[in-house]
PDB file of all heavy atoms in Angstrom:
ATOM      1  N   ILE A   1     -11.728   8.726  16.882  1.00  0.00           N
ATOM      2  CA  ILE A   1     -10.697   9.126  15.922  1.00  0.00           C
ATOM      3  C   ILE A   1     -10.368   7.991  14.965  1.00  0.00           C
ATOM      4  O   ILE A   1      -9.860   8.216  13.859  1.00  0.00           O
ATOM      5  CB  ILE A   1      -9.454   9.625  16.686  1.00  0.00           C
ATOM      6  CG1 ILE A   1      -9.775  10.985  17.311  1.00  0.00           C
ATOM      7  CG2 ILE A   1      -8.233   9.757  15.780  1.00  0.00           C
ATOM      8  CD1 ILE A   1      -8.660  11.584  18.128  1.00  0.00           C
ATOM      9  N   THR A   2     -10.670   6.768  15.349  1.00  0.00           N
ATOM     10  CA  THR A   2     -10.402   5.635  14.446  1.00  0.00           C
ATOM     11  C   THR A   2     -11.234   5.702  13.166  1.00  0.00           C
ATOM     12  O   THR A   2     -10.936   4.965  12.219  1.00  0.00           O
ATOM     13  CB  THR A   2     -10.662   4.291  15.150  1.00  0.00           C
ATOM     14  OG1 THR A   2     -12.024   4.223  15.603  1.00  0.00           O
ATOM     15  CG2 THR A   2      -9.726   4.107  16.333  1.00  0.00           C
ATOM     16  N   VAL A   3     -12.245   6.565  13.127  1.00  0.00           N
ATOM     17  CA  VAL A   3     -13.000   6.703  11.867  1.00  0.00           C
ATOM     18  C   VAL A   3     -12.093   7.220  10.758  1.00  0.00           C
ATOM     19  O   VAL A   3     -12.359   6.989   9.570  1.00  0.00           O
ATOM     20  CB  VAL A   3     -14.229   7.629  12.010  1.00  0.00           C
ATOM     21  CG1 VAL A   3     -15.180   7.120  13.061  1.00  0.00           C
ATOM     22  CG2 VAL A   3     -13.822   9.064  12.303  1.00  0.00           C
ATOM     23  N   PHE A   4     -11.007   7.925  11.138  1.00  0.00           N
ATOM     24  CA  PHE A   4     -10.062   8.413  10.137  1.00  0.00           C
ATOM     25  C   PHE A   4      -9.005   7.370   9.802  1.00  0.00           C
ATOM     26  O   PHE A   4      -8.374   7.446   8.752  1.00  0.00           O
ATOM     27  CB  PHE A   4      -9.368   9.687  10.636  1.00  0.00           C
ATOM     28  CG  PHE A   4     -10.310  10.740  11.128  1.00  0.00           C
ATOM     29  CD1 PHE A   4     -10.132  11.327  12.381  1.00  0.00           C
ATOM     30  CD2 PHE A   4     -11.386  11.152  10.364  1.00  0.00           C
ATOM     31  CE1 PHE A   4     -10.997  12.308  12.841  1.00  0.00           C
ATOM     32  CE2 PHE A   4     -12.267  12.127  10.814  1.00  0.00           C
ATOM     33  CZ  PHE A   4     -12.067  12.710  12.060  1.00  0.00           C
ATOM     34  N   ILE A   5      -8.788   6.401  10.713  1.00  0.00           N
ATOM     35  CA  ILE A   5      -7.759   5.390  10.507  1.00  0.00           C
ATOM     36  C   ILE A   5      -8.285   4.233   9.659  1.00  0.00           C
ATOM     37  O   ILE A   5      -7.633   3.773   8.721  1.00  0.00           O
ATOM     38  CB  ILE A   5      -7.263   4.829  11.860  1.00  0.00           C
ATOM     39  CG1 ILE A   5      -6.765   5.962  12.758  1.00  0.00           C
ATOM     40  CG2 ILE A   5      -6.163   3.801  11.641  1.00  0.00           C
ATOM     41  CD1 ILE A   5      -6.474   5.514  14.176  1.00  0.00           C
ATOM     42  N   SER A   6      -9.469   3.761   9.997  1.00  0.00           N
ATOM     43  CA  SER A   6      -9.984   2.528   9.403  1.00  0.00           C
ATOM     44  C   SER A   6     -10.062   2.554   7.880  1.00  0.00           C
ATOM     45  O   SER A   6      -9.639   1.588   7.228  1.00  0.00           O
ATOM     46  CB  SER A   6     -11.363   2.201   9.999  1.00  0.00           C
ATOM     47  OG  SER A   6     -11.254   2.000  11.388  1.00  0.00           O
ATOM     48  N   PRO A   7     -10.599   3.616   7.263  1.00  0.00           N
ATOM     49  CA  PRO A   7     -10.667   3.587   5.796  1.00  0.00           C
ATOM     50  C   PRO A   7      -9.288   3.574   5.147  1.00  0.00           C
ATOM     51  O   PRO A   7      -9.091   2.956   4.098  1.00  0.00           O
ATOM     52  CB  PRO A   7     -11.427   4.872   5.449  1.00  0.00           C
ATOM     53  CG  PRO A   7     -11.284   5.746   6.643  1.00  0.00           C
ATOM     54  CD  PRO A   7     -11.244   4.821   7.815  1.00  0.00           C
ATOM     55  N   ILE A   8      -8.310   4.240   5.784  1.00  0.00           N
ATOM     56  CA  ILE A   8      -6.950   4.236   5.255  1.00  0.00           C
ATOM     57  C   ILE A   8      -6.384   2.818   5.294  1.00  0.00           C
ATOM     58  O   ILE A   8      -5.806   2.327   4.327  1.00  0.00           O
ATOM     59  CB  ILE A   8      -6.058   5.203   6.067  1.00  0.00           C
ATOM     60  CG1 ILE A   8      -6.526   6.650   5.861  1.00  0.00           C
ATOM     61  CG2 ILE A   8      -4.589   5.048   5.669  1.00  0.00           C
ATOM     62  CD1 ILE A   8      -5.862   7.649   6.776  1.00  0.00           C
ATOM     63  N   GLY A   9      -6.572   2.147   6.437  1.00  0.00           N
ATOM     64  CA  GLY A   9      -6.065   0.787   6.575  1.00  0.00           C
ATOM     65  C   GLY A   9      -6.762  -0.201   5.668  1.00  0.00           C
ATOM     66  O   GLY A   9      -6.195  -1.231   5.303  1.00  0.00           O
ATOM     67  N   THR A  10      -7.992   0.102   5.285  1.00  0.00           N
ATOM     68  CA  THR A  10      -8.754  -0.796   4.416  1.00  0.00           C
ATOM     69  C   THR A  10      -8.339  -0.673   2.964  1.00  0.00           C
ATOM     70  O   THR A  10      -8.191  -1.675   2.254  1.00  0.00           O
ATOM     71  CB  THR A  10     -10.264  -0.495   4.544  1.00  0.00           C
ATOM     72  OG1 THR A  10     -10.661  -0.670   5.907  1.00  0.00           O
ATOM     73  CG2 THR A  10     -11.085  -1.423   3.663  1.00  0.00           C
ATOM     74  N   VAL A  11      -8.106   0.542   2.493  1.00  0.00           N
ATOM     75  CA  VAL A  11      -7.898   0.795   1.069  1.00  0.00           C
ATOM     76  C   VAL A  11      -6.431   0.953   0.695  1.00  0.00           C
ATOM     77  O   VAL A  11      -5.975   0.444  -0.328  1.00  0.00           O
ATOM     78  CB  VAL A  11      -8.684   2.066   0.648  1.00  0.00           C
ATOM     79  CG1 VAL A  11      -8.459   2.369  -0.831  1.00  0.00           C
ATOM     80  CG2 VAL A  11     -10.173   1.897   0.946  1.00  0.00           C
ATOM     81  N   LEU A  12      -5.657   1.652   1.533  1.00  0.00           N
ATOM     82  CA  LEU A  12      -4.291   2.028   1.173  1.00  0.00           C
ATOM     83  C   LEU A  12      -3.368   0.852   0.837  1.00  0.00           C
ATOM     84  O   LEU A  12      -2.622   0.925  -0.146  1.00  0.00           O
ATOM     85  CB  LEU A  12      -3.683   2.876   2.300  1.00  0.00           C
ATOM     86  CG  LEU A  12      -2.276   3.420   2.066  1.00  0.00           C
ATOM     87  CD1 LEU A  12      -2.252   4.365   0.871  1.00  0.00           C
ATOM     88  CD2 LEU A  12      -1.761   4.125   3.326  1.00  0.00           C
ATOM     89  N   PRO A  13      -3.356  -0.238   1.635  1.00  0.00           N
ATOM     90  CA  PRO A  13      -2.388  -1.307   1.353  1.00  0.00           C
ATOM     91  C   PRO A  13      -2.484  -1.881  -0.061  1.00  0.00           C
ATOM     92  O   PRO A  13      -1.451  -2.220  -0.662  1.00  0.00           O
ATOM     93  CB  PRO A  13      -2.734  -2.381   2.399  1.00  0.00           C
ATOM     94  CG  PRO A  13      -3.356  -1.633   3.523  1.00  0.00           C
ATOM     95  CD  PRO A  13      -4.124  -0.534   2.861  1.00  0.00           C
ATOM     96  N   ILE A  14      -3.690  -1.998  -0.608  1.00  0.00           N
ATOM     97  CA  ILE A  14      -3.860  -2.584  -1.939  1.00  0.00           C
ATOM     98  C   ILE A  14      -3.085  -1.772  -2.980  1.00  0.00           C
ATOM     99  O   ILE A  14      -2.364  -2.317  -3.821  1.00  0.00           O
ATOM    100  CB  ILE A  14      -5.352  -2.636  -2.326  1.00  0.00           C
ATOM    101  CG1 ILE A  14      -6.188  -3.311  -1.227  1.00  0.00           C
ATOM    102  CG2 ILE A  14      -5.536  -3.332  -3.663  1.00  0.00           C
ATOM    103  CD1 ILE A  14      -5.816  -4.741  -0.977  1.00  0.00           C
ATOM    104  N   THR A  15      -3.209  -0.434  -2.901  1.00  0.00           N
ATOM    105  CA  THR A  15      -2.501   0.439  -3.839  1.00  0.00           C
ATOM    106  C   THR A  15      -1.000   0.393  -3.611  1.00  0.00           C
ATOM    107  O   THR A  15      -0.209   0.348  -4.566  1.00  0.00           O
ATOM    108  CB  THR A  15      -3.015   1.886  -3.688  1.00  0.00           C
ATOM    109  OG1 THR A  15      -4.431   1.909  -3.910  1.00  0.00           O
ATOM    110  CG2 THR A  15      -2.341   2.810  -4.686  1.00  0.00           C
ATOM    111  N   LEU A  16      -0.573   0.398  -2.355  1.00  0.00           N
ATOM    112  CA  LEU A  16       0.852   0.365  -2.041  1.00  0.00           C
ATOM    113  C   LEU A  16       1.509  -0.924  -2.539  1.00  0.00           C
ATOM    114  O   LEU A  16       2.622  -0.900  -3.060  1.00  0.00           O
ATOM    115  CB  LEU A  16       1.067   0.512  -0.533  1.00  0.00           C
ATOM    116  CG  LEU A  16       0.731   1.872   0.070  1.00  0.00           C
ATOM    117  CD1 LEU A  16       0.892   1.833   1.589  1.00  0.00           C
ATOM    118  CD2 LEU A  16       1.618   2.967  -0.513  1.00  0.00           C
ATOM    119  N   TYR A  17       0.819  -2.054  -2.347  1.00  0.00           N
ATOM    120  CA  TYR A  17       1.364  -3.331  -2.825  1.00  0.00           C
ATOM    121  C   TYR A  17       1.624  -3.276  -4.329  1.00  0.00           C
ATOM    122  O   TYR A  17       2.651  -3.766  -4.828  1.00  0.00           O
ATOM    123  CB  TYR A  17       0.397  -4.483  -2.524  1.00  0.00           C
ATOM    124  CG  TYR A  17       0.216  -4.800  -1.054  1.00  0.00           C
ATOM    125  CD1 TYR A  17      -0.966  -5.390  -0.598  1.00  0.00           C
ATOM    126  CD2 TYR A  17       1.202  -4.515  -0.121  1.00  0.00           C
ATOM    127  CE1 TYR A  17      -1.148  -5.701   0.740  1.00  0.00           C
ATOM    128  CE2 TYR A  17       1.020  -4.807   1.222  1.00  0.00           C
ATOM    129  CZ  TYR A  17      -0.152  -5.405   1.653  1.00  0.00           C
ATOM    130  OH  TYR A  17      -0.331  -5.702   2.973  1.00  0.00           O
ATOM    131  N   ARG A  18       0.687  -2.678  -5.044  1.00  0.00           N
ATOM    132  CA  ARG A  18       0.810  -2.630  -6.498  1.00  0.00           C
ATOM    133  C   ARG A  18       2.000  -1.764  -6.921  1.00  0.00           C
ATOM    134  O   ARG A  18       2.780  -2.150  -7.801  1.00  0.00           O
ATOM    135  CB  ARG A  18      -0.488  -2.101  -7.113  1.00  0.00           C
ATOM    136  CG  ARG A  18      -0.519  -2.187  -8.631  1.00  0.00           C
ATOM    137  CD  ARG A  18      -1.907  -2.037  -9.183  1.00  0.00           C
ATOM    138  NE  ARG A  18      -2.512  -0.752  -8.873  1.00  0.00           N
ATOM    139  CZ  ARG A  18      -3.500  -0.589  -7.996  1.00  0.00           C
ATOM    140  NH1 ARG A  18      -3.995  -1.628  -7.348  1.00  0.00           N
ATOM    141  NH2 ARG A  18      -4.009   0.606  -7.768  1.00  0.00           N
ATOM    142  N   TYR A  19       2.151  -0.585  -6.298  1.00  0.00           N
ATOM    143  CA  TYR A  19       3.282   0.283  -6.609  1.00  0.00           C
ATOM    144  C   TYR A  19       4.610  -0.403  -6.276  1.00  0.00           C
ATOM    145  O   TYR A  19       5.556  -0.390  -7.062  1.00  0.00           O
ATOM    146  CB  TYR A  19       3.188   1.593  -5.814  1.00  0.00           C
ATOM    147  CG  TYR A  19       2.270   2.624  -6.405  1.00  0.00           C
ATOM    148  CD1 TYR A  19       1.408   3.345  -5.599  1.00  0.00           C
ATOM    149  CD2 TYR A  19       2.294   2.914  -7.766  1.00  0.00           C
ATOM    150  CE1 TYR A  19       0.570   4.310  -6.116  1.00  0.00           C
ATOM    151  CE2 TYR A  19       1.458   3.886  -8.309  1.00  0.00           C
ATOM    152  CZ  TYR A  19       0.597   4.578  -7.474  1.00  0.00           C
ATOM    153  OH  TYR A  19      -0.219   5.536  -7.999  1.00  0.00           O
ATOM    154  N   TYR A  20       4.683  -0.988  -5.089  1.00  0.00           N
ATOM    155  CA  TYR A  20       5.932  -1.590  -4.622  1.00  0.00           C
ATOM    156  C   TYR A  20       6.340  -2.769  -5.497  1.00  0.00           C
ATOM    157  O   TYR A  20       7.515  -2.922  -5.851  1.00  0.00           O
ATOM    158  CB  TYR A  20       5.771  -2.027  -3.166  1.00  0.00           C
ATOM    159  CG  TYR A  20       7.053  -2.499  -2.514  1.00  0.00           C
ATOM    160  CD1 TYR A  20       7.946  -1.587  -1.961  1.00  0.00           C
ATOM    161  CD2 TYR A  20       7.373  -3.850  -2.445  1.00  0.00           C
ATOM    162  CE1 TYR A  20       9.123  -2.007  -1.356  1.00  0.00           C
ATOM    163  CE2 TYR A  20       8.545  -4.282  -1.856  1.00  0.00           C
ATOM    164  CZ  TYR A  20       9.416  -3.365  -1.305  1.00  0.00           C
ATOM    165  OH  TYR A  20      10.578  -3.792  -0.716  1.00  0.00           O
ATOM    166  N   ASP A  21       5.359  -3.612  -5.836  1.00  0.00           N
ATOM    167  CA  ASP A  21       5.660  -4.784  -6.668  1.00  0.00           C
ATOM    168  C   ASP A  21       6.122  -4.389  -8.067  1.00  0.00           C
ATOM    169  O   ASP A  21       6.817  -5.158  -8.741  1.00  0.00           O
ATOM    170  CB  ASP A  21       4.439  -5.703  -6.750  1.00  0.00           C
ATOM    171  CG  ASP A  21       4.138  -6.392  -5.418  1.00  0.00           C
ATOM    172  OD1 ASP A  21       5.038  -6.419  -4.546  1.00  0.00           O
ATOM    173  OD2 ASP A  21       3.002  -6.884  -5.246  1.00  0.00           O
ATOM    174  N   CYS A  22       5.746  -3.172  -8.502  1.00  0.00           N
ATOM    175  CA  CYS A  22       6.189  -2.670  -9.804  1.00  0.00           C
ATOM    176  C   CYS A  22       7.498  -1.888  -9.699  1.00  0.00           C
ATOM    177  O   CYS A  22       7.995  -1.362 -10.708  1.00  0.00           O
ATOM    178  CB  CYS A  22       5.112  -1.775 -10.421  1.00  0.00           C
ATOM    179  SG  CYS A  22       3.608  -2.649 -10.876  1.00  0.00           S
ATOM    180  N   GLY A  23       8.040  -1.754  -8.484  1.00  0.00           N
ATOM    181  CA  GLY A  23       9.299  -1.057  -8.282  1.00  0.00           C
ATOM    182  C   GLY A  23       9.178   0.449  -8.216  1.00  0.00           C
ATOM    183  O   GLY A  23      10.194   1.162  -8.245  1.00  0.00           O
ATOM    184  N   ASP A  24       7.956   0.980  -8.079  1.00  0.00           N
ATOM    185  CA  ASP A  24       7.732   2.430  -8.037  1.00  0.00           C
ATOM    186  C   ASP A  24       7.784   2.913  -6.580  1.00  0.00           C
ATOM    187  O   ASP A  24       6.767   3.229  -5.970  1.00  0.00           O
ATOM    188  CB  ASP A  24       6.387   2.766  -8.681  1.00  0.00           C
ATOM    189  CG  ASP A  24       6.201   4.265  -8.897  1.00  0.00           C
ATOM    190  OD1 ASP A  24       7.068   5.044  -8.455  1.00  0.00           O
ATOM    191  OD2 ASP A  24       5.174   4.651  -9.491  1.00  0.00           O
ATOM    192  N   ILE A  25       8.998   2.985  -6.039  1.00  0.00           N
ATOM    193  CA  ILE A  25       9.178   3.341  -4.627  1.00  0.00           C
ATOM    194  C   ILE A  25       8.822   4.804  -4.378  1.00  0.00           C
ATOM    195  O   ILE A  25       8.286   5.151  -3.317  1.00  0.00           O
ATOM    196  CB  ILE A  25      10.624   3.065  -4.177  1.00  0.00           C
ATOM    197  CG1 ILE A  25      11.019   1.616  -4.495  1.00  0.00           C
ATOM    198  CG2 ILE A  25      10.802   3.362  -2.694  1.00  0.00           C
ATOM    199  CD1 ILE A  25      10.131   0.593  -3.823  1.00  0.00           C
ATOM    200  N   LYS A  26       9.094   5.684  -5.343  1.00  0.00           N
ATOM    201  CA  LYS A  26       8.796   7.112  -5.171  1.00  0.00           C
ATOM    202  C   LYS A  26       7.308   7.339  -4.921  1.00  0.00           C
ATOM    203  O   LYS A  26       6.919   8.152  -4.087  1.00  0.00           O
ATOM    204  CB  LYS A  26       9.255   7.892  -6.404  1.00  0.00           C
ATOM    205  CG  LYS A  26      10.762   8.014  -6.547  1.00  0.00           C
ATOM    206  CD  LYS A  26      11.346   8.865  -5.425  1.00  0.00           C
ATOM    207  CE  LYS A  26      12.860   9.025  -5.602  1.00  0.00           C
ATOM    208  NZ  LYS A  26      13.454   9.802  -4.501  1.00  0.00           N
ATOM    209  N   SER A  27       6.474   6.614  -5.663  1.00  0.00           N
ATOM    210  CA  SER A  27       5.027   6.771  -5.463  1.00  0.00           C
ATOM    211  C   SER A  27       4.595   6.263  -4.097  1.00  0.00           C
ATOM    212  O   SER A  27       3.699   6.823  -3.470  1.00  0.00           O
ATOM    213  CB  SER A  27       4.268   6.023  -6.572  1.00  0.00           C
ATOM    214  OG  SER A  27       4.441   6.664  -7.812  1.00  0.00           O
ATOM    215  N   VAL A  28       5.247   5.195  -3.631  1.00  0.00           N
ATOM    216  CA  VAL A  28       4.950   4.680  -2.293  1.00  0.00           C
ATOM    217  C   VAL A  28       5.285   5.733  -1.247  1.00  0.00           C
ATOM    218  O   VAL A  28       4.491   6.011  -0.340  1.00  0.00           O
ATOM    219  CB  VAL A  28       5.734   3.376  -2.023  1.00  0.00           C
ATOM    220  CG1 VAL A  28       5.561   2.945  -0.565  1.00  0.00           C
ATOM    221  CG2 VAL A  28       5.271   2.270  -2.953  1.00  0.00           C
ATOM    222  N   GLU A  29       6.471   6.337  -1.347  1.00  0.00           N
ATOM    223  CA  GLU A  29       6.888   7.363  -0.388  1.00  0.00           C
ATOM    224  C   GLU A  29       5.935   8.557  -0.410  1.00  0.00           C
ATOM    225  O   GLU A  29       5.519   9.058   0.645  1.00  0.00           O
ATOM    226  CB  GLU A  29       8.304   7.822  -0.721  1.00  0.00           C
ATOM    227  CG  GLU A  29       9.376   6.758  -0.513  1.00  0.00           C
ATOM    228  CD  GLU A  29      10.736   7.204  -0.998  1.00  0.00           C
ATOM    229  OE1 GLU A  29      10.825   8.302  -1.605  1.00  0.00           O
ATOM    230  OE2 GLU A  29      11.717   6.471  -0.770  1.00  0.00           O
ATOM    231  N   LYS A  30       5.596   9.004  -1.619  1.00  0.00           N
ATOM    232  CA  LYS A  30       4.716  10.165  -1.755  1.00  0.00           C
ATOM    233  C   LYS A  30       3.337   9.882  -1.175  1.00  0.00           C
ATOM    234  O   LYS A  30       2.747  10.714  -0.469  1.00  0.00           O
ATOM    235  CB  LYS A  30       4.602  10.560  -3.225  1.00  0.00           C
ATOM    236  CG  LYS A  30       3.792  11.814  -3.468  1.00  0.00           C
ATOM    237  CD  LYS A  30       3.800  12.184  -4.953  1.00  0.00           C
ATOM    238  CE  LYS A  30       2.984  13.446  -5.213  1.00  0.00           C
ATOM    239  NZ  LYS A  30       2.985  13.817  -6.655  1.00  0.00           N
TER     240      LYS A  30
END
């Protein structure tokens, strides 16, 4: 089942950091 977890953990944080640092909390939540 980790095949579904690993790609999320690899890619998702980069996008979240960018949204959060720009103050776009709604996009982070969504």
